[in-house]
PDB file of all heavy atoms in Angstrom:
ATOM      1  N   PRO A   1     -18.802 -19.948  48.152  1.00  0.00           N
ATOM      2  CA  PRO A   1     -18.382 -21.055  47.369  1.00  0.00           C
ATOM      3  C   PRO A   1     -19.075 -22.312  47.780  1.00  0.00           C
ATOM      4  O   PRO A   1     -19.316 -23.138  46.946  1.00  0.00           O
ATOM      5  CB  PRO A   1     -16.845 -21.149  47.598  1.00  0.00           C
ATOM      6  CG  PRO A   1     -16.402 -19.721  47.960  1.00  0.00           C
ATOM      7  CD  PRO A   1     -17.680 -19.205  48.758  1.00  0.00           C
ATOM      8  N   LEU A   2     -19.542 -22.427  49.117  1.00  0.00           N
ATOM      9  CA  LEU A   2     -20.231 -23.665  49.554  1.00  0.00           C
ATOM     10  C   LEU A   2     -21.686 -23.476  49.612  1.00  0.00           C
ATOM     11  O   LEU A   2     -22.363 -24.352  50.072  1.00  0.00           O
ATOM     12  CB  LEU A   2     -19.672 -23.979  50.933  1.00  0.00           C
ATOM     13  CG  LEU A   2     -18.201 -24.125  51.052  1.00  0.00           C
ATOM     14  CD1 LEU A   2     -17.736 -24.600  52.494  1.00  0.00           C
ATOM     15  CD2 LEU A   2     -17.737 -25.388  50.157  1.00  0.00           C
ATOM     16  N   GLY A   3     -22.138 -22.414  49.021  1.00  0.00           N
ATOM     17  CA  GLY A   3     -23.645 -22.239  48.938  1.00  0.00           C
ATOM     18  C   GLY A   3     -24.322 -21.491  50.065  1.00  0.00           C
ATOM     19  O   GLY A   3     -25.568 -21.509  50.128  1.00  0.00           O
ATOM     20  N   ASN A   4     -23.612 -20.917  50.938  1.00  0.00           N
ATOM     21  CA  ASN A   4     -24.157 -20.148  52.030  1.00  0.00           C
ATOM     22  C   ASN A   4     -24.332 -18.627  51.599  1.00  0.00           C
ATOM     23  O   ASN A   4     -23.514 -18.075  50.912  1.00  0.00           O
ATOM     24  CB  ASN A   4     -23.250 -20.101  53.202  1.00  0.00           C
ATOM     25  CG  ASN A   4     -21.876 -19.530  52.875  1.00  0.00           C
ATOM     26  OD1 ASN A   4     -21.169 -20.132  52.017  1.00  0.00           O
ATOM     27  ND2 ASN A   4     -21.380 -18.562  53.449  1.00  0.00           N
ATOM     28  N   LEU A   5     -25.552 -18.075  51.918  1.00  0.00           N
ATOM     29  CA  LEU A   5     -25.959 -16.733  51.451  1.00  0.00           C
ATOM     30  C   LEU A   5     -24.883 -15.768  51.976  1.00  0.00           C
ATOM     31  O   LEU A   5     -24.556 -15.762  53.157  1.00  0.00           O
ATOM     32  CB  LEU A   5     -27.248 -16.372  51.989  1.00  0.00           C
ATOM     33  CG  LEU A   5     -27.778 -14.933  51.724  1.00  0.00           C
ATOM     34  CD1 LEU A   5     -27.840 -14.647  50.207  1.00  0.00           C
ATOM     35  CD2 LEU A   5     -29.088 -14.599  52.476  1.00  0.00           C
ATOM     36  N   LEU A   6     -24.309 -14.825  51.111  1.00  0.00           N
ATOM     37  CA  LEU A   6     -23.461 -13.799  51.519  1.00  0.00           C
ATOM     38  C   LEU A   6     -24.084 -12.458  51.609  1.00  0.00           C
ATOM     39  O   LEU A   6     -24.277 -11.843  52.693  1.00  0.00           O
ATOM     40  CB  LEU A   6     -22.245 -13.720  50.602  1.00  0.00           C
ATOM     41  CG  LEU A   6     -21.261 -14.934  50.579  1.00  0.00           C
ATOM     42  CD1 LEU A   6     -20.215 -14.639  49.572  1.00  0.00           C
ATOM     43  CD2 LEU A   6     -20.679 -15.208  51.956  1.00  0.00           C
ATOM     44  N   PHE A   7     -24.721 -11.963  50.467  1.00  0.00           N
ATOM     45  CA  PHE A   7     -25.332 -10.612  50.457  1.00  0.00           C
ATOM     46  C   PHE A   7     -26.178 -10.531  49.231  1.00  0.00           C
ATOM     47  O   PHE A   7     -26.088 -11.471  48.362  1.00  0.00           O
ATOM     48  CB  PHE A   7     -24.371  -9.508  50.596  1.00  0.00           C
ATOM     49  CG  PHE A   7     -23.367  -9.381  49.431  1.00  0.00           C
ATOM     50  CD1 PHE A   7     -23.609  -8.634  48.362  1.00  0.00           C
ATOM     51  CD2 PHE A   7     -22.062  -9.957  49.549  1.00  0.00           C
ATOM     52  CE1 PHE A   7     -22.723  -8.535  47.271  1.00  0.00           C
ATOM     53  CE2 PHE A   7     -21.156  -9.905  48.527  1.00  0.00           C
ATOM     54  CZ  PHE A   7     -21.508  -9.188  47.428  1.00  0.00           C
ATOM     55  N   TYR A   8     -27.058  -9.568  49.266  1.00  0.00           N
ATOM     56  CA  TYR A   8     -27.838  -9.372  48.117  1.00  0.00           C
ATOM     57  C   TYR A   8     -28.258  -7.846  48.019  1.00  0.00           C
ATOM     58  O   TYR A   8     -27.999  -6.992  48.902  1.00  0.00           O
ATOM     59  CB  TYR A   8     -29.177 -10.148  48.180  1.00  0.00           C
ATOM     60  CG  TYR A   8     -29.952  -9.894  49.459  1.00  0.00           C
ATOM     61  CD1 TYR A   8     -31.105  -9.107  49.460  1.00  0.00           C
ATOM     62  CD2 TYR A   8     -29.652 -10.550  50.663  1.00  0.00           C
ATOM     63  CE1 TYR A   8     -31.904  -8.905  50.563  1.00  0.00           C
ATOM     64  CE2 TYR A   8     -30.429 -10.329  51.812  1.00  0.00           C
ATOM     65  CZ  TYR A   8     -31.576  -9.508  51.787  1.00  0.00           C
ATOM     66  OH  TYR A   8     -32.257  -9.221  52.900  1.00  0.00           O
ATOM     67  N   THR A   9     -28.783  -7.442  46.768  1.00  0.00           N
ATOM     68  CA  THR A   9     -29.098  -6.073  46.699  1.00  0.00           C
ATOM     69  C   THR A   9     -30.383  -5.846  45.839  1.00  0.00           C
ATOM     70  O   THR A   9     -30.736  -6.778  45.095  1.00  0.00           O
ATOM     71  CB  THR A   9     -27.929  -5.367  45.862  1.00  0.00           C
ATOM     72  OG1 THR A   9     -28.246  -3.988  45.836  1.00  0.00           O
ATOM     73  CG2 THR A   9     -27.744  -5.839  44.572  1.00  0.00           C
ATOM     74  N   ASN A  10     -31.075  -4.781  45.956  1.00  0.00           N
ATOM     75  CA  ASN A  10     -32.199  -4.330  45.121  1.00  0.00           C
ATOM     76  C   ASN A  10     -31.830  -3.115  44.339  1.00  0.00           C
ATOM     77  O   ASN A  10     -32.705  -2.412  43.758  1.00  0.00           O
ATOM     78  CB  ASN A  10     -33.467  -4.126  46.015  1.00  0.00           C
ATOM     79  CG  ASN A  10     -33.280  -2.986  47.017  1.00  0.00           C
ATOM     80  OD1 ASN A  10     -32.162  -2.343  47.052  1.00  0.00           O
ATOM     81  ND2 ASN A  10     -34.190  -2.586  47.737  1.00  0.00           N
ATOM     82  N   GLY A  11     -30.539  -2.859  44.254  1.00  0.00           N
ATOM     83  CA  GLY A  11     -30.236  -1.668  43.303  1.00  0.00           C
ATOM     84  C   GLY A  11     -30.005  -0.438  44.196  1.00  0.00           C
ATOM     85  O   GLY A  11     -29.563   0.623  43.679  1.00  0.00           O
ATOM     86  N   CYS A  12     -30.547  -0.497  45.414  1.00  0.00           N
ATOM     87  CA  CYS A  12     -30.546   0.679  46.335  1.00  0.00           C
ATOM     88  C   CYS A  12     -29.545   0.509  47.490  1.00  0.00           C
ATOM     89  O   CYS A  12     -28.980   1.341  48.047  1.00  0.00           O
ATOM     90  CB  CYS A  12     -31.946   1.013  46.857  1.00  0.00           C
ATOM     91  SG  CYS A  12     -33.033   1.473  45.540  1.00  0.00           S
ATOM     92  N   ALA A  13     -29.617  -0.761  48.020  1.00  0.00           N
ATOM     93  CA  ALA A  13     -28.801  -1.083  49.278  1.00  0.00           C
ATOM     94  C   ALA A  13     -28.282  -2.469  49.143  1.00  0.00           C
ATOM     95  O   ALA A  13     -28.749  -3.309  48.331  1.00  0.00           O
ATOM     96  CB  ALA A  13     -29.725  -0.847  50.500  1.00  0.00           C
ATOM     97  N   ILE A  14     -27.306  -2.896  49.919  1.00  0.00           N
ATOM     98  CA  ILE A  14     -26.846  -4.136  50.067  1.00  0.00           C
ATOM     99  C   ILE A  14     -27.067  -4.751  51.430  1.00  0.00           C
ATOM    100  O   ILE A  14     -26.845  -4.002  52.518  1.00  0.00           O
ATOM    101  CB  ILE A  14     -25.341  -4.107  49.841  1.00  0.00           C
ATOM    102  CG1 ILE A  14     -24.912  -3.491  48.471  1.00  0.00           C
ATOM    103  CG2 ILE A  14     -24.711  -5.636  49.975  1.00  0.00           C
ATOM    104  CD1 ILE A  14     -23.467  -3.391  48.291  1.00  0.00           C
ATOM    105  N   ALA A  15     -27.711  -5.851  51.520  1.00  0.00           N
ATOM    106  CA  ALA A  15     -28.012  -6.491  52.681  1.00  0.00           C
ATOM    107  C   ALA A  15     -27.262  -7.804  52.896  1.00  0.00           C
ATOM    108  O   ALA A  15     -26.984  -8.553  51.888  1.00  0.00           O
ATOM    109  CB  ALA A  15     -29.546  -6.863  52.923  1.00  0.00           C
ATOM    110  N   ASP A  16     -26.830  -8.129  54.148  1.00  0.00           N
ATOM    111  CA  ASP A  16     -26.019  -9.341  54.349  1.00  0.00           C
ATOM    112  C   ASP A  16     -26.920 -10.541  54.648  1.00  0.00           C
ATOM    113  O   ASP A  16     -28.063 -10.517  54.618  1.00  0.00           O
ATOM    114  CB  ASP A  16     -24.934  -9.054  55.483  1.00  0.00           C
ATOM    115  CG  ASP A  16     -25.682  -8.860  56.824  1.00  0.00           C
ATOM    116  OD1 ASP A  16     -26.750  -9.060  56.951  1.00  0.00           O
ATOM    117  OD2 ASP A  16     -24.821  -8.341  57.791  1.00  0.00           O
ATOM    118  N   TRP A  17     -26.229 -11.683  55.012  1.00  0.00           N
ATOM    119  CA  TRP A  17     -26.793 -12.863  55.229  1.00  0.00           C
ATOM    120  C   TRP A  17     -27.814 -12.864  56.406  1.00  0.00           C
ATOM    121  O   TRP A  17     -28.755 -13.626  56.587  1.00  0.00           O
ATOM    122  CB  TRP A  17     -25.883 -13.984  55.419  1.00  0.00           C
ATOM    123  CG  TRP A  17     -24.933 -13.871  56.568  1.00  0.00           C
ATOM    124  CD1 TRP A  17     -23.859 -13.016  56.578  1.00  0.00           C
ATOM    125  CD2 TRP A  17     -25.114 -14.437  57.820  1.00  0.00           C
ATOM    126  NE1 TRP A  17     -23.240 -13.114  57.914  1.00  0.00           N
ATOM    127  CE2 TRP A  17     -24.030 -14.012  58.644  1.00  0.00           C
ATOM    128  CE3 TRP A  17     -26.039 -15.260  58.455  1.00  0.00           C
ATOM    129  CZ2 TRP A  17     -23.773 -14.275  60.042  1.00  0.00           C
ATOM    130  CZ3 TRP A  17     -25.803 -15.652  59.793  1.00  0.00           C
ATOM    131  CH2 TRP A  17     -24.768 -15.186  60.520  1.00  0.00           C
ATOM    132  N   THR A  18     -27.591 -11.815  57.352  1.00  0.00           N
ATOM    133  CA  THR A  18     -28.545 -11.651  58.423  1.00  0.00           C
ATOM    134  C   THR A  18     -29.621 -10.702  58.128  1.00  0.00           C
ATOM    135  O   THR A  18     -30.581 -10.385  58.888  1.00  0.00           O
ATOM    136  CB  THR A  18     -27.837 -11.064  59.663  1.00  0.00           C
ATOM    137  OG1 THR A  18     -27.419  -9.818  59.370  1.00  0.00           O
ATOM    138  CG2 THR A  18     -26.625 -11.975  60.014  1.00  0.00           C
ATOM    139  N   HIS A  19     -29.631 -10.286  56.858  1.00  0.00           N
ATOM    140  CA  HIS A  19     -30.668  -9.272  56.237  1.00  0.00           C
ATOM    141  C   HIS A  19     -30.595  -7.862  56.867  1.00  0.00           C
ATOM    142  O   HIS A  19     -31.583  -7.116  56.781  1.00  0.00           O
ATOM    143  CB  HIS A  19     -32.096  -9.890  56.445  1.00  0.00           C
ATOM    144  CG  HIS A  19     -32.205 -11.329  55.900  1.00  0.00           C
ATOM    145  ND1 HIS A  19     -32.032 -11.548  54.608  1.00  0.00           N
ATOM    146  CD2 HIS A  19     -32.474 -12.454  56.613  1.00  0.00           C
ATOM    147  CE1 HIS A  19     -32.170 -12.806  54.343  1.00  0.00           C
ATOM    148  NE2 HIS A  19     -32.360 -13.422  55.581  1.00  0.00           N
ATOM    149  N   HIS A  20     -29.496  -7.588  57.441  1.00  0.00           N
ATOM    150  CA  HIS A  20     -29.174  -6.099  57.869  1.00  0.00           C
ATOM    151  C   HIS A  20     -28.444  -5.449  56.745  1.00  0.00           C
ATOM    152  O   HIS A  20     -27.563  -6.010  56.011  1.00  0.00           O
ATOM    153  CB  HIS A  20     -28.447  -6.181  59.122  1.00  0.00           C
ATOM    154  CG  HIS A  20     -29.209  -6.586  60.268  1.00  0.00           C
ATOM    155  ND1 HIS A  20     -29.218  -7.928  60.729  1.00  0.00           N
ATOM    156  CD2 HIS A  20     -30.100  -5.950  61.142  1.00  0.00           C
ATOM    157  CE1 HIS A  20     -30.016  -8.041  61.791  1.00  0.00           C
ATOM    158  NE2 HIS A  20     -30.636  -6.930  62.007  1.00  0.00           N
ATOM    159  N   ILE A  21     -28.669  -4.182  56.585  1.00  0.00           N
ATOM    160  CA  ILE A  21     -27.875  -3.377  55.573  1.00  0.00           C
ATOM    161  C   ILE A  21     -26.469  -3.340  56.055  1.00  0.00           C
ATOM    162  O   ILE A  21     -26.161  -2.970  57.293  1.00  0.00           O
ATOM    163  CB  ILE A  21     -28.384  -1.883  55.477  1.00  0.00           C
ATOM    164  CG1 ILE A  21     -29.902  -2.026  55.159  1.00  0.00           C
ATOM    165  CG2 ILE A  21     -27.652  -1.148  54.387  1.00  0.00           C
ATOM    166  CD1 ILE A  21     -30.174  -2.721  53.860  1.00  0.00           C
ATOM    167  N   ILE A  22     -25.473  -3.599  55.226  1.00  0.00           N
ATOM    168  CA  ILE A  22     -24.115  -3.647  55.682  1.00  0.00           C
ATOM    169  C   ILE A  22     -23.643  -2.128  55.762  1.00  0.00           C
ATOM    170  O   ILE A  22     -24.138  -1.280  55.270  1.00  0.00           O
ATOM    171  CB  ILE A  22     -23.249  -4.392  54.656  1.00  0.00           C
ATOM    172  CG1 ILE A  22     -23.121  -3.685  53.403  1.00  0.00           C
ATOM    173  CG2 ILE A  22     -23.778  -5.809  54.441  1.00  0.00           C
ATOM    174  CD1 ILE A  22     -22.161  -4.389  52.286  1.00  0.00           C
ATOM    175  N   SER A  23     -22.524  -1.986  56.443  1.00  0.00           N
ATOM    176  CA  SER A  23     -21.914  -0.759  56.672  1.00  0.00           C
ATOM    177  C   SER A  23     -21.544  -0.060  55.477  1.00  0.00           C
ATOM    178  O   SER A  23     -20.864  -0.650  54.493  1.00  0.00           O
ATOM    179  CB  SER A  23     -20.654  -0.833  57.559  1.00  0.00           C
ATOM    180  OG  SER A  23     -20.128   0.396  57.823  1.00  0.00           O
ATOM    181  N   TYR A  24     -22.104   1.136  55.177  1.00  0.00           N
ATOM    182  CA  TYR A  24     -21.897   1.971  53.938  1.00  0.00           C
ATOM    183  C   TYR A  24     -22.636   1.223  52.738  1.00  0.00           C
ATOM    184  O   TYR A  24     -22.379   1.487  51.566  1.00  0.00           O
ATOM    185  CB  TYR A  24     -20.415   2.172  53.692  1.00  0.00           C
ATOM    186  CG  TYR A  24     -19.681   2.907  54.760  1.00  0.00           C
ATOM    187  CD1 TYR A  24     -18.781   2.227  55.594  1.00  0.00           C
ATOM    188  CD2 TYR A  24     -19.956   4.187  55.009  1.00  0.00           C
ATOM    189  CE1 TYR A  24     -18.053   2.884  56.546  1.00  0.00           C
ATOM    190  CE2 TYR A  24     -19.328   4.870  56.015  1.00  0.00           C
ATOM    191  CZ  TYR A  24     -18.338   4.190  56.843  1.00  0.00           C
ATOM    192  OH  TYR A  24     -17.710   4.851  57.836  1.00  0.00           O
ATOM    193  N   GLY A  25     -23.524   0.323  53.020  1.00  0.00           N
ATOM    194  CA  GLY A  25     -24.171  -0.431  51.910  1.00  0.00           C
ATOM    195  C   GLY A  25     -25.376   0.257  51.402  1.00  0.00           C
ATOM    196  O   GLY A  25     -26.127  -0.309  50.624  1.00  0.00           O
ATOM    197  N   ASP A  26     -25.743   1.449  51.882  1.00  0.00           N
ATOM    198  CA  ASP A  26     -26.941   2.130  51.465  1.00  0.00           C
ATOM    199  C   ASP A  26     -26.540   3.119  50.321  1.00  0.00           C
ATOM    200  O   ASP A  26     -25.377   3.261  50.008  1.00  0.00           O
ATOM    201  CB  ASP A  26     -27.706   2.871  52.510  1.00  0.00           C
ATOM    202  CG  ASP A  26     -26.655   3.896  53.235  1.00  0.00           C
ATOM    203  OD1 ASP A  26     -25.513   3.938  52.965  1.00  0.00           O
ATOM    204  OD2 ASP A  26     -27.214   4.678  53.946  1.00  0.00           O
ATOM    205  N   SER A  27     -27.481   3.787  49.760  1.00  0.00           N
ATOM    206  CA  SER A  27     -27.268   4.847  48.792  1.00  0.00           C
ATOM    207  C   SER A  27     -26.381   4.394  47.508  1.00  0.00           C
ATOM    208  O   SER A  27     -25.421   5.079  47.149  1.00  0.00           O
ATOM    209  CB  SER A  27     -26.609   6.051  49.456  1.00  0.00           C
ATOM    210  OG  SER A  27     -27.394   6.580  50.455  1.00  0.00           O
ATOM    211  N   LEU A  28     -26.682   3.186  47.064  1.00  0.00           N
ATOM    212  CA  LEU A  28     -26.053   2.770  45.823  1.00  0.00           C
ATOM    213  C   LEU A  28     -26.366   3.564  44.560  1.00  0.00           C
ATOM    214  O   LEU A  28     -25.595   3.875  43.850  1.00  0.00           O
ATOM    215  CB  LEU A  28     -26.477   1.264  45.558  1.00  0.00           C
ATOM    216  CG  LEU A  28     -25.910   0.244  46.474  1.00  0.00           C
ATOM    217  CD1 LEU A  28     -26.289  -1.208  45.907  1.00  0.00           C
ATOM    218  CD2 LEU A  28     -24.339   0.329  46.679  1.00  0.00           C
ATOM    219  N   ASN A  29     -27.647   3.994  44.572  1.00  0.00           N
ATOM    220  CA  ASN A  29     -28.073   4.842  43.367  1.00  0.00           C
ATOM    221  C   ASN A  29     -28.646   6.125  43.930  1.00  0.00           C
ATOM    222  O   ASN A  29     -29.842   6.241  44.194  1.00  0.00           O
ATOM    223  CB  ASN A  29     -29.158   4.125  42.648  1.00  0.00           C
ATOM    224  CG  ASN A  29     -28.578   3.379  41.372  1.00  0.00           C
ATOM    225  OD1 ASN A  29     -27.919   3.913  40.465  1.00  0.00           O
ATOM    226  ND2 ASN A  29     -28.789   2.057  41.338  1.00  0.00           N
ATOM    227  N   ILE A  30     -27.775   7.037  44.232  1.00  0.00           N
ATOM    228  CA  ILE A  30     -28.148   8.419  44.596  1.00  0.00           C
ATOM    229  C   ILE A  30     -28.773   9.154  43.470  1.00  0.00           C
ATOM    230  O   ILE A  30     -28.426   8.919  42.340  1.00  0.00           O
ATOM    231  CB  ILE A  30     -26.961   9.180  45.287  1.00  0.00           C
ATOM    232  CG1 ILE A  30     -25.828   9.294  44.231  1.00  0.00           C
ATOM    233  CG2 ILE A  30     -26.461   8.478  46.448  1.00  0.00           C
ATOM    234  CD1 ILE A  30     -24.699  10.139  44.800  1.00  0.00           C
ATOM    235  N   GLY A  31     -29.699  10.037  43.798  1.00  0.00           N
ATOM    236  CA  GLY A  31     -30.271  10.772  42.686  1.00  0.00           C
ATOM    237  C   GLY A  31     -31.763  10.777  42.945  1.00  0.00           C
ATOM    238  O   GLY A  31     -32.336  10.139  43.768  1.00  0.00           O
TER     239      GLY A  31
END
């Protein structure tokens, strides 16, 4: 809400504000 980066995605994984993949944040699009 105050404009600080939380997380982002490329459709495959979710990375946090430190740019590390969050726990269980991989394999968003299996196949």
